[in-house]
Amino acid sequence: MYLPLAAVITLAVVGLHRLIGRRALFAATVLAVVLGGLTIRRNADYRSALSIWTDTAAKCPDNARALYGLVAPCCRPVAPPKPFPYYERAAAARPQSS
């Protein structure tokens, strides 16, 4: 999706440049740096299945899919034990799925 988005971003920057002048290029640069930093920070959540599901469950504690997602990584020998509280919370959030 990044390549098609490049054309849209280019049109937006050129359009802003025509409207407000050189300040548009500075604003676009600042926005790119900020969004790049946020992307790097979010990518840290994707380092493992456990970290992404933990983040999702923290943000949406009643989300059954997130809670079920915590069960699988917890059942592996290298992950922390005790997946059953997550399974019980997931089953309570969406009993027809269990």
Protein backbone atom coordinates (compact mmCIF):
# COMPACT_ATOMS: atom_id res chain seq x y z
CA MET A 1 0.00 0.00 0.00
CA TYR A 2 2.96 2.36 0.36
CA LEU A 3 3.63 2.72 -3.37
CA PRO A 4 0.07 3.78 -4.35
CA LEU A 5 -0.01 6.08 -1.34
CA ALA A 6 3.13 7.86 -2.60
CA ALA A 7 1.16 9.42 -5.47
CA VAL A 8 -1.55 10.68 -3.12
CA ILE A 9 1.03 12.14 -0.71
CA THR A 10 2.88 13.82 -3.58
CA LEU A 11 -0.33 15.42 -4.83
CA ALA A 12 -1.19 16.61 -1.32
CA VAL A 13 2.24 18.17 -0.78
CA VAL A 14 2.24 19.85 -4.20
CA GLY A 15 -1.30 21.13 -3.60
CA LEU A 16 -0.39 22.51 -0.17
CA HIS A 17 2.74 24.08 -1.63
CA ARG A 18 0.62 25.93 -4.20
CA LEU A 19 -1.77 27.10 -1.46
CA ILE A 20 0.59 28.17 1.33
CA GLY A 21 4.06 28.20 -0.24
CA ARG A 22 7.30 26.96 1.30
CA ARG A 23 5.74 26.33 4.71
CA ALA A 24 3.96 23.32 3.21
CA LEU A 25 7.28 21.56 2.54
CA PHE A 26 8.40 22.18 6.11
CA ALA A 27 5.07 20.96 7.48
CA ALA A 28 5.22 17.83 5.30
CA THR A 29 8.75 17.09 6.50
CA VAL A 30 7.77 17.48 10.15
CA LEU A 31 4.71 15.29 9.61
CA ALA A 32 6.82 12.60 7.91
CA VAL A 33 9.29 12.56 10.81
CA VAL A 34 6.52 12.35 13.42
CA LEU A 35 4.66 9.59 11.57
CA GLY A 36 7.92 7.71 11.00
CA GLY A 37 8.63 7.82 14.73
CA LEU A 38 5.15 6.55 15.53
CA THR A 39 5.61 3.72 13.02
CA ILE A 40 8.89 2.65 14.64
CA ARG A 41 7.23 2.71 18.06
CA ARG A 42 4.27 0.63 16.85
CA ASN A 43 6.55 -1.88 15.12
CA ALA A 44 7.94 -2.77 18.55
CA ASP A 45 4.51 -4.27 19.34
CA TYR A 46 4.88 -6.64 16.38
CA ARG A 47 8.11 -8.24 17.61
CA SER A 48 6.22 -11.31 18.85
CA ALA A 49 2.72 -12.74 18.92
CA LEU A 50 2.60 -12.35 22.69
CA SER A 51 3.48 -8.65 22.57
CA ILE A 52 0.89 -7.74 19.92
CA TRP A 53 -1.91 -9.67 21.63
CA THR A 54 -0.93 -8.26 25.04
CA ASP A 55 -1.12 -4.74 23.61
CA THR A 56 -4.46 -5.46 21.95
CA ALA A 57 -5.93 -7.02 25.10
CA ALA A 58 -4.73 -4.04 27.16
CA LYS A 59 -6.45 -1.60 24.80
CA CYS A 60 -9.64 -3.71 24.40
CA PRO A 61 -9.97 -5.85 27.55
CA ASP A 62 -13.33 -7.39 26.52
CA ASN A 63 -12.21 -8.36 23.01
CA ALA A 64 -12.56 -12.14 22.76
CA ARG A 65 -10.25 -12.43 19.74
CA ALA A 66 -7.44 -10.63 21.59
CA LEU A 67 -7.90 -12.82 24.65
CA TYR A 68 -7.89 -15.99 22.54
CA GLY A 69 -4.77 -14.65 20.83
CA LEU A 70 -3.06 -14.56 24.22
CA VAL A 71 -3.83 -18.23 24.82
CA ALA A 72 -1.70 -19.67 21.97
CA PRO A 73 1.60 -17.92 22.80
CA CYS A 74 1.13 -18.73 26.48
CA CYS A 75 0.82 -22.45 25.71
CA ARG A 76 4.30 -22.60 24.15
CA PRO A 77 7.10 -23.79 26.46
CA VAL A 78 9.16 -20.59 26.07
CA ALA A 79 6.32 -18.22 26.97
CA PRO A 80 4.95 -17.46 30.43
CA PRO A 81 2.63 -20.19 31.73
CA LYS A 82 -1.02 -19.95 32.76
CA PRO A 83 -3.02 -19.23 29.59
CA PHE A 84 -6.24 -20.30 31.27
CA PRO A 85 -7.22 -16.95 32.83
CA TYR A 86 -7.10 -15.44 29.32
CA TYR A 87 -9.14 -18.33 27.95
CA GLU A 88 -11.72 -17.96 30.70
CA ARG A 89 -12.00 -14.19 30.07
CA ALA A 90 -12.31 -14.81 26.31
CA ALA A 91 -14.97 -17.45 26.84
CA ALA A 92 -16.89 -15.10 29.13
CA ALA A 93 -16.62 -12.27 26.56
CA ARG A 94 -17.93 -14.46 23.73
CA PRO A 95 -19.29 -17.78 25.03
CA GLN A 96 -20.49 -19.06 21.61
CA SER A 97 -16.86 -19.11 20.37
CA SER A 98 -15.45 -21.44 23.02
